[in-house]
């Protein structure tokens, strides 16, 4: 998928494509965390396994709608910043 560059027995680096994909996944994760905690009233400590599945399963379209539904939150329940991404429709 060309997300990382690596040399045998050397360091591993994200490619530009890898960085973009990592940021997309982090954004999705944080938006879904906000939804599960604020809307469904789950505890942040209870949602780890669900978040791990959902961050890879939701389309950009659904994440964009969810982000809008939540009023474009600025931080996740853990206090980490949610960066604005240009997600596909």
PDB file of N, CA and C in Angstrom:
ATOM      1  N   UNK A   1       0.819  -1.201   0.000  1.00  0.00           N
ATOM      2  CA  UNK A   1       0.000   0.000   0.000  1.00  0.00           C
ATOM      3  C   UNK A   1       0.865   1.268   0.000  1.00  0.00           C
ATOM      4  N   UNK A   2       2.160   1.088   0.153  1.00  0.00           N
ATOM      5  CA  UNK A   2       3.112   2.214   0.111  1.00  0.00           C
ATOM      6  C   UNK A   2       2.837   3.253   1.202  1.00  0.00           C
ATOM      7  N   UNK A   3       2.553   2.758   2.415  1.00  0.00           N
ATOM      8  CA  UNK A   3       2.296   3.645   3.537  1.00  0.00           C
ATOM      9  C   UNK A   3       3.557   3.910   4.358  1.00  0.00           C
ATOM     10  N   UNK A   4       4.527   3.003   4.255  1.00  0.00           N
ATOM     11  CA  UNK A   4       5.779   3.164   4.987  1.00  0.00           C
ATOM     12  C   UNK A   4       6.967   2.850   4.080  1.00  0.00           C
ATOM     13  N   UNK A   5       8.117   3.389   4.480  1.00  0.00           N
ATOM     14  CA  UNK A   5       9.380   3.057   3.843  1.00  0.00           C
ATOM     15  C   UNK A   5      10.262   2.415   4.898  1.00  0.00           C
ATOM     16  N   UNK A   6      10.945   1.364   4.512  1.00  0.00           N
ATOM     17  CA  UNK A   6      11.807   0.684   5.466  1.00  0.00           C
ATOM     18  C   UNK A   6      13.004   0.091   4.741  1.00  0.00           C
ATOM     19  N   UNK A   7      14.125   0.076   5.446  1.00  0.00           N
ATOM     20  CA  UNK A   7      15.325  -0.597   4.955  1.00  0.00           C
ATOM     21  C   UNK A   7      15.568  -1.778   5.884  1.00  0.00           C
ATOM     22  N   UNK A   8      16.117  -2.872   5.348  1.00  0.00           N
ATOM     23  CA  UNK A   8      16.381  -4.021   6.218  1.00  0.00           C
ATOM     24  C   UNK A   8      17.230  -3.597   7.424  1.00  0.00           C
ATOM     25  N   UNK A   9      16.765  -3.952   8.591  1.00  0.00           N
ATOM     26  CA  UNK A   9      17.434  -3.654   9.868  1.00  0.00           C
ATOM     27  C   UNK A   9      17.586  -2.155  10.120  1.00  0.00           C
ATOM     28  N   UNK A  10      16.780  -1.347   9.472  1.00  0.00           N
ATOM     29  CA  UNK A  10      16.854   0.097   9.643  1.00  0.00           C
ATOM     30  C   UNK A  10      15.559   0.668  10.185  1.00  0.00           C
ATOM     31  N   UNK A  11      15.487   1.952  10.156  1.00  0.00           N
ATOM     32  CA  UNK A  11      14.298   2.648  10.632  1.00  0.00           C
ATOM     33  C   UNK A  11      13.145   2.492   9.659  1.00  0.00           C
ATOM     34  N   UNK A  12      11.955   2.704  10.183  1.00  0.00           N
ATOM     35  CA  UNK A  12      10.744   2.672   9.388  1.00  0.00           C
ATOM     36  C   UNK A  12      10.157   4.077   9.412  1.00  0.00           C
ATOM     37  N   UNK A  13       9.757   4.566   8.240  1.00  0.00           N
ATOM     38  CA  UNK A  13       9.208   5.911   8.121  1.00  0.00           C
ATOM     39  C   UNK A  13       7.890   5.859   7.364  1.00  0.00           C
ATOM     40  N   UNK A  14       6.958   6.730   7.768  1.00  0.00           N
ATOM     41  CA  UNK A  14       5.727   6.875   7.000  1.00  0.00           C
ATOM     42  C   UNK A  14       6.027   7.625   5.706  1.00  0.00           C
ATOM     43  N   UNK A  15       5.368   7.211   4.638  1.00  0.00           N
ATOM     44  CA  UNK A  15       5.396   7.981   3.392  1.00  0.00           C
ATOM     45  C   UNK A  15       4.355   9.101   3.549  1.00  0.00           C
ATOM     46  N   UNK A  16       4.303  10.008   2.599  1.00  0.00           N
ATOM     47  CA  UNK A  16       3.284  11.058   2.633  1.00  0.00           C
ATOM     48  C   UNK A  16       1.886  10.427   2.650  1.00  0.00           C
ATOM     49  N   UNK A  17       1.713   9.380   1.862  1.00  0.00           N
ATOM     50  CA  UNK A  17       0.436   8.662   1.838  1.00  0.00           C
ATOM     51  C   UNK A  17       0.150   8.020   3.194  1.00  0.00           C
ATOM     52  N   UNK A  18       1.181   7.492   3.839  1.00  0.00           N
ATOM     53  CA  UNK A  18       1.038   6.872   5.155  1.00  0.00           C
ATOM     54  C   UNK A  18       0.645   7.878   6.228  1.00  0.00           C
ATOM     55  N   UNK A  19       1.250   9.057   6.171  1.00  0.00           N
ATOM     56  CA  UNK A  19       0.920  10.116   7.132  1.00  0.00           C
ATOM     57  C   UNK A  19      -0.534  10.546   6.954  1.00  0.00           C
ATOM     58  N   UNK A  20      -0.952  10.701   5.712  1.00  0.00           N
ATOM     59  CA  UNK A  20      -2.335  11.105   5.431  1.00  0.00           C
ATOM     60  C   UNK A  20      -3.314  10.060   5.956  1.00  0.00           C
ATOM     61  N   UNK A  21      -3.017   8.792   5.743  1.00  0.00           N
ATOM     62  CA  UNK A  21      -3.895   7.716   6.206  1.00  0.00           C
ATOM     63  C   UNK A  21      -3.912   7.646   7.738  1.00  0.00           C
ATOM     64  N   UNK A  22      -2.769   7.812   8.365  1.00  0.00           N
ATOM     65  CA  UNK A  22      -2.709   7.797   9.829  1.00  0.00           C
ATOM     66  C   UNK A  22      -3.534   8.939  10.414  1.00  0.00           C
ATOM     67  N   UNK A  23      -3.430  10.112   9.829  1.00  0.00           N
ATOM     68  CA  UNK A  23      -4.213  11.257  10.302  1.00  0.00           C
ATOM     69  C   UNK A  23      -5.705  11.028  10.129  1.00  0.00           C
ATOM     70  N   UNK A  24      -6.081  10.389   9.024  1.00  0.00           N
ATOM     71  CA  UNK A  24      -7.492  10.090   8.776  1.00  0.00           C
ATOM     72  C   UNK A  24      -8.023   9.132   9.843  1.00  0.00           C
ATOM     73  N   UNK A  25      -7.250   8.113  10.167  1.00  0.00           N
ATOM     74  CA  UNK A  25      -7.669   7.129  11.163  1.00  0.00           C
ATOM     75  C   UNK A  25      -7.763   7.772  12.550  1.00  0.00           C
ATOM     76  N   UNK A  26      -6.792   8.607  12.898  1.00  0.00           N
ATOM     77  CA  UNK A  26      -6.818   9.288  14.200  1.00  0.00           C
ATOM     78  C   UNK A  26      -8.032  10.210  14.290  1.00  0.00           C
ATOM     79  N   UNK A  27      -8.309  10.940  13.218  1.00  0.00           N
ATOM     80  CA  UNK A  27      -9.478  11.824  13.193  1.00  0.00           C
ATOM     81  C   UNK A  27     -10.754  11.018  13.402  1.00  0.00           C
ATOM     82  N   UNK A  28     -10.887   9.935  12.666  1.00  0.00           N
ATOM     83  CA  UNK A  28     -12.058   9.072  12.788  1.00  0.00           C
ATOM     84  C   UNK A  28     -12.188   8.557  14.210  1.00  0.00           C
ATOM     85  N   UNK A  29     -11.107   8.074  14.762  1.00  0.00           N
ATOM     86  CA  UNK A  29     -11.107   7.529  16.120  1.00  0.00           C
ATOM     87  C   UNK A  29     -11.623   8.557  17.124  1.00  0.00           C
ATOM     88  N   UNK A  30     -11.103   9.766  17.033  1.00  0.00           N
ATOM     89  CA  UNK A  30     -11.466  10.785  18.012  1.00  0.00           C
ATOM     90  C   UNK A  30     -12.911  11.249  17.867  1.00  0.00           C
ATOM     91  N   UNK A  31     -13.383  11.365  16.641  1.00  0.00           N
ATOM     92  CA  UNK A  31     -14.784  11.756  16.427  1.00  0.00           C
ATOM     93  C   UNK A  31     -15.716  10.663  16.961  1.00  0.00           C
ATOM     94  N   UNK A  32     -15.397   9.413  16.699  1.00  0.00           N
ATOM     95  CA  UNK A  32     -16.230   8.308  17.177  1.00  0.00           C
ATOM     96  C   UNK A  32     -16.180   8.233  18.707  1.00  0.00           C
ATOM     97  N   UNK A  33     -15.032   8.497  19.297  1.00  0.00           N
ATOM     98  CA  UNK A  33     -14.945   8.531  20.766  1.00  0.00           C
ATOM     99  C   UNK A  33     -15.905   9.569  21.339  1.00  0.00           C
ATOM    100  N   UNK A  34     -15.921  10.748  20.726  1.00  0.00           N
ATOM    101  CA  UNK A  34     -16.837  11.801  21.191  1.00  0.00           C
ATOM    102  C   UNK A  34     -18.271  11.304  21.099  1.00  0.00           C
ATOM    103  N   UNK A  35     -18.640  10.686  19.987  1.00  0.00           N
ATOM    104  CA  UNK A  35     -20.000  10.181  19.812  1.00  0.00           C
ATOM    105  C   UNK A  35     -20.359   9.151  20.881  1.00  0.00           C
ATOM    106  N   UNK A  36     -19.500   8.184  21.087  1.00  0.00           N
ATOM    107  CA  UNK A  36     -19.805   7.120  22.043  1.00  0.00           C
ATOM    108  C   UNK A  36     -19.917   7.646  23.470  1.00  0.00           C
ATOM    109  N   UNK A  37     -19.084   8.610  23.814  1.00  0.00           N
ATOM    110  CA  UNK A  37     -19.092   9.147  25.180  1.00  0.00           C
ATOM    111  C   UNK A  37     -20.222  10.157  25.382  1.00  0.00           C
ATOM    112  N   UNK A  38     -20.355  11.106  24.460  1.00  0.00           N
ATOM    113  CA  UNK A  38     -21.359  12.169  24.652  1.00  0.00           C
ATOM    114  C   UNK A  38     -22.774  11.732  24.295  1.00  0.00           C
ATOM    115  N   UNK A  39     -22.919  11.032  23.185  1.00  0.00           N
ATOM    116  CA  UNK A  39     -24.266  10.665  22.728  1.00  0.00           C
ATOM    117  C   UNK A  39     -24.769   9.366  23.333  1.00  0.00           C
ATOM    118  N   UNK A  40     -23.894   8.386  23.443  1.00  0.00           N
ATOM    119  CA  UNK A  40     -24.317   7.086  23.971  1.00  0.00           C
ATOM    120  C   UNK A  40     -23.999   6.914  25.452  1.00  0.00           C
ATOM    121  N   UNK A  41     -23.340   7.913  26.029  1.00  0.00           N
ATOM    122  CA  UNK A  41     -23.050   7.947  27.475  1.00  0.00           C
ATOM    123  C   UNK A  41     -22.210   6.761  27.952  1.00  0.00           C
ATOM    124  N   UNK A  42     -21.293   6.293  27.097  1.00  0.00           N
ATOM    125  CA  UNK A  42     -20.367   5.247  27.505  1.00  0.00           C
ATOM    126  C   UNK A  42     -19.152   5.897  28.162  1.00  0.00           C
ATOM    127  N   UNK A  43     -18.504   5.166  29.028  1.00  0.00           N
ATOM    128  CA  UNK A  43     -17.307   5.674  29.693  1.00  0.00           C
ATOM    129  C   UNK A  43     -16.113   5.522  28.753  1.00  0.00           C
ATOM    130  N   UNK A  44     -15.209   6.517  28.729  1.00  0.00           N
ATOM    131  CA  UNK A  44     -14.027   6.407  27.870  1.00  0.00           C
ATOM    132  C   UNK A  44     -13.248   5.107  28.094  1.00  0.00           C
ATOM    133  N   UNK A  45     -13.242   4.631  29.325  1.00  0.00           N
ATOM    134  CA  UNK A  45     -12.506   3.403  29.638  1.00  0.00           C
ATOM    135  C   UNK A  45     -13.185   2.148  29.081  1.00  0.00           C
ATOM    136  N   UNK A  46     -14.441   2.256  28.647  1.00  0.00           N
ATOM    137  CA  UNK A  46     -15.196   1.095  28.158  1.00  0.00           C
ATOM    138  C   UNK A  46     -15.170   0.927  26.642  1.00  0.00           C
ATOM    139  N   UNK A  47     -14.641   1.892  25.912  1.00  0.00           N
ATOM    140  CA  UNK A  47     -14.863   1.895  24.467  1.00  0.00           C
ATOM    141  C   UNK A  47     -13.656   1.507  23.614  1.00  0.00           C
ATOM    142  N   UNK A  48     -12.552   1.148  24.218  1.00  0.00           N
ATOM    143  CA  UNK A  48     -11.324   0.889  23.455  1.00  0.00           C
ATOM    144  C   UNK A  48     -11.526  -0.136  22.340  1.00  0.00           C
ATOM    145  N   UNK A  49     -12.072  -1.284  22.657  1.00  0.00           N
ATOM    146  CA  UNK A  49     -12.233  -2.344  21.643  1.00  0.00           C
ATOM    147  C   UNK A  49     -13.180  -1.925  20.528  1.00  0.00           C
ATOM    148  N   UNK A  50     -14.255  -1.240  20.889  1.00  0.00           N
ATOM    149  CA  UNK A  50     -15.212  -0.776  19.884  1.00  0.00           C
ATOM    150  C   UNK A  50     -14.578   0.264  18.964  1.00  0.00           C
ATOM    151  N   UNK A  51     -13.839   1.183  19.551  1.00  0.00           N
ATOM    152  CA  UNK A  51     -13.173   2.231  18.766  1.00  0.00           C
ATOM    153  C   UNK A  51     -12.208   1.612  17.762  1.00  0.00           C
ATOM    154  N   UNK A  52     -11.461   0.622  18.205  1.00  0.00           N
ATOM    155  CA  UNK A  52     -10.472  -0.003  17.319  1.00  0.00           C
ATOM    156  C   UNK A  52     -11.140  -0.593  16.077  1.00  0.00           C
ATOM    157  N   UNK A  53     -12.297  -1.166  16.238  1.00  0.00           N
ATOM    158  CA  UNK A  53     -13.027  -1.728  15.100  1.00  0.00           C
ATOM    159  C   UNK A  53     -13.612  -0.613  14.234  1.00  0.00           C
ATOM    160  N   UNK A  54     -14.288   0.335  14.870  1.00  0.00           N
ATOM    161  CA  UNK A  54     -14.987   1.382  14.125  1.00  0.00           C
ATOM    162  C   UNK A  54     -14.064   2.325  13.366  1.00  0.00           C
ATOM    163  N   UNK A  55     -12.890   2.607  13.904  1.00  0.00           N
ATOM    164  CA  UNK A  55     -11.995   3.548  13.227  1.00  0.00           C
ATOM    165  C   UNK A  55     -11.549   3.042  11.856  1.00  0.00           C
ATOM    166  N   UNK A  56     -11.639   1.740  11.651  1.00  0.00           N
ATOM    167  CA  UNK A  56     -11.256   1.154  10.366  1.00  0.00           C
ATOM    168  C   UNK A  56     -12.460   0.797   9.498  1.00  0.00           C
ATOM    169  N   UNK A  57     -13.643   0.805  10.092  1.00  0.00           N
ATOM    170  CA  UNK A  57     -14.827   0.334   9.383  1.00  0.00           C
ATOM    171  C   UNK A  57     -15.683   1.444   8.771  1.00  0.00           C
ATOM    172  N   UNK A  58     -15.627   2.640   9.352  1.00  0.00           N
ATOM    173  CA  UNK A  58     -16.511   3.705   8.887  1.00  0.00           C
ATOM    174  C   UNK A  58     -15.956   4.410   7.655  1.00  0.00           C
ATOM    175  N   UNK A  59     -16.839   4.741   6.743  1.00  0.00           N
ATOM    176  CA  UNK A  59     -16.442   5.474   5.541  1.00  0.00           C
ATOM    177  C   UNK A  59     -16.202   6.939   5.889  1.00  0.00           C
ATOM    178  N   UNK A  60     -15.458   7.628   5.040  1.00  0.00           N
ATOM    179  CA  UNK A  60     -15.233   9.059   5.224  1.00  0.00           C
ATOM    180  C   UNK A  60     -16.561   9.809   5.227  1.00  0.00           C
ATOM    181  N   UNK A  61     -17.506   9.362   4.423  1.00  0.00           N
ATOM    182  CA  UNK A  61     -18.831   9.995   4.352  1.00  0.00           C
ATOM    183  C   UNK A  61     -19.524   9.948   5.707  1.00  0.00           C
ATOM    184  N   UNK A  62     -19.499   8.791   6.353  1.00  0.00           N
ATOM    185  CA  UNK A  62     -20.144   8.636   7.662  1.00  0.00           C
ATOM    186  C   UNK A  62     -19.412   9.457   8.720  1.00  0.00           C
ATOM    187  N   UNK A  63     -18.104   9.456   8.696  1.00  0.00           N
ATOM    188  CA  UNK A  63     -17.329  10.226   9.679  1.00  0.00           C
ATOM    189  C   UNK A  63     -17.594  11.717   9.511  1.00  0.00           C
ATOM    190  N   UNK A  64     -17.680  12.159   8.282  1.00  0.00           N
ATOM    191  CA  UNK A  64     -17.963  13.566   8.012  1.00  0.00           C
ATOM    192  C   UNK A  64     -19.335  13.948   8.572  1.00  0.00           C
ATOM    193  N   UNK A  65     -20.328  13.111   8.368  1.00  0.00           N
ATOM    194  CA  UNK A  65     -21.677  13.365   8.887  1.00  0.00           C
ATOM    195  C   UNK A  65     -21.705  13.335  10.415  1.00  0.00           C
ATOM    196  N   UNK A  66     -20.981  12.372  10.976  1.00  0.00           N
ATOM    197  CA  UNK A  66     -20.912  12.247  12.423  1.00  0.00           C
ATOM    198  C   UNK A  66     -20.240  13.477  13.037  1.00  0.00           C
ATOM    199  N   UNK A  67     -19.170  13.919  12.420  1.00  0.00           N
ATOM    200  CA  UNK A  67     -18.454  15.119  12.865  1.00  0.00           C
ATOM    201  C   UNK A  67     -19.398  16.324  12.856  1.00  0.00           C
ATOM    202  N   UNK A  68     -20.168  16.464  11.785  1.00  0.00           N
ATOM    203  CA  UNK A  68     -21.135  17.557  11.669  1.00  0.00           C
ATOM    204  C   UNK A  68     -22.237  17.424  12.716  1.00  0.00           C
ATOM    205  N   UNK A  69     -22.763  16.222  12.890  1.00  0.00           N
ATOM    206  CA  UNK A  69     -23.811  15.950  13.880  1.00  0.00           C
ATOM    207  C   UNK A  69     -23.367  16.356  15.278  1.00  0.00           C
ATOM    208  N   UNK A  70     -22.096  16.144  15.576  1.00  0.00           N
ATOM    209  CA  UNK A  70     -21.550  16.455  16.900  1.00  0.00           C
ATOM    210  C   UNK A  70     -21.144  17.917  17.047  1.00  0.00           C
ATOM    211  N   UNK A  71     -21.302  18.697  15.973  1.00  0.00           N
ATOM    212  CA  UNK A  71     -20.936  20.112  16.039  1.00  0.00           C
ATOM    213  C   UNK A  71     -19.449  20.355  15.873  1.00  0.00           C
ATOM    214  N   UNK A  72     -18.777  19.470  15.182  1.00  0.00           N
ATOM    215  CA  UNK A  72     -17.338  19.576  14.917  1.00  0.00           C
ATOM    216  C   UNK A  72     -16.538  19.755  16.207  1.00  0.00           C
ATOM    217  N   UNK A  73     -16.529  18.715  17.047  1.00  0.00           N
ATOM    218  CA  UNK A  73     -15.812  18.823  18.321  1.00  0.00           C
ATOM    219  C   UNK A  73     -14.329  19.120  18.109  1.00  0.00           C
ATOM    220  N   UNK A  74     -13.750  19.841  19.034  1.00  0.00           N
ATOM    221  CA  UNK A  74     -12.339  20.247  18.941  1.00  0.00           C
ATOM    222  C   UNK A  74     -11.404  19.300  19.680  1.00  0.00           C
ATOM    223  N   UNK A  75     -11.949  18.576  20.692  1.00  0.00           N
ATOM    224  CA  UNK A  75     -11.124  17.633  21.460  1.00  0.00           C
ATOM    225  C   UNK A  75     -11.907  16.349  21.707  1.00  0.00           C
ATOM    226  N   UNK A  76     -11.181  15.260  21.880  1.00  0.00           N
ATOM    227  CA  UNK A  76     -11.792  13.973  22.194  1.00  0.00           C
ATOM    228  C   UNK A  76     -11.988  13.877  23.706  1.00  0.00           C
ATOM    229  N   UNK A  77     -12.649  12.822  24.183  1.00  0.00           N
ATOM    230  CA  UNK A  77     -12.874  12.676  25.624  1.00  0.00           C
ATOM    231  C   UNK A  77     -11.581  12.612  26.451  1.00  0.00           C
ATOM    232  N   UNK A  78     -10.470  12.307  25.810  1.00  0.00           N
ATOM    233  CA  UNK A  78      -9.186  12.242  26.513  1.00  0.00           C
ATOM    234  C   UNK A  78      -8.445  13.575  26.470  1.00  0.00           C
ATOM    235  N   UNK A  79      -9.082  14.593  25.852  1.00  0.00           N
ATOM    236  CA  UNK A  79      -8.481  15.917  25.789  1.00  0.00           C
ATOM    237  C   UNK A  79      -7.534  16.133  24.623  1.00  0.00           C
ATOM    238  N   UNK A  80      -7.471  15.183  23.693  1.00  0.00           N
ATOM    239  CA  UNK A  80      -6.589  15.323  22.530  1.00  0.00           C
ATOM    240  C   UNK A  80      -7.297  16.079  21.413  1.00  0.00           C
ATOM    241  N   UNK A  81      -6.549  16.934  20.744  1.00  0.00           N
ATOM    242  CA  UNK A  81      -7.104  17.783  19.693  1.00  0.00           C
ATOM    243  C   UNK A  81      -7.603  16.955  18.511  1.00  0.00           C
ATOM    244  N   UNK A  82      -8.750  17.356  17.975  1.00  0.00           N
ATOM    245  CA  UNK A  82      -9.295  16.742  16.760  1.00  0.00           C
ATOM    246  C   UNK A  82      -9.013  17.711  15.623  1.00  0.00           C
ATOM    247  N   UNK A  83      -8.119  17.324  14.741  1.00  0.00           N
ATOM    248  CA  UNK A  83      -7.741  18.169  13.615  1.00  0.00           C
ATOM    249  C   UNK A  83      -8.788  18.078  12.515  1.00  0.00           C
ATOM    250  N   UNK A  84      -8.986  19.162  11.814  1.00  0.00           N
ATOM    251  CA  UNK A  84      -9.920  19.199  10.691  1.00  0.00           C
ATOM    252  C   UNK A  84      -9.241  18.543   9.500  1.00  0.00           C
ATOM    253  N   UNK A  85      -9.930  17.625   8.870  1.00  0.00           N
ATOM    254  CA  UNK A  85      -9.405  16.936   7.685  1.00  0.00           C
ATOM    255  C   UNK A  85     -10.348  17.156   6.519  1.00  0.00           C
ATOM    256  N   UNK A  86      -9.800  17.165   5.327  1.00  0.00           N
ATOM    257  CA  UNK A  86     -10.617  17.221   4.126  1.00  0.00           C
ATOM    258  C   UNK A  86     -11.006  15.818   3.732  1.00  0.00           C
ATOM    259  N   UNK A  87     -12.076  15.300   4.312  1.00  0.00           N
ATOM    260  CA  UNK A  87     -12.510  13.930   4.021  1.00  0.00           C
ATOM    261  C   UNK A  87     -13.328  13.899   2.740  1.00  0.00           C
ATOM    262  N   UNK A  88     -13.245  12.752   2.059  1.00  0.00           N
ATOM    263  CA  UNK A  88     -14.047  12.550   0.854  1.00  0.00           C
ATOM    264  C   UNK A  88     -15.517  12.495   1.220  1.00  0.00           C
ATOM    265  N   UNK A  89     -16.375  12.831   0.266  1.00  0.00           N
ATOM    266  CA  UNK A  89     -17.823  12.772   0.504  1.00  0.00           C
ATOM    267  C   UNK A  89     -18.289  11.349   0.529  1.00  0.00           C
TER     268      UNK A  89
END
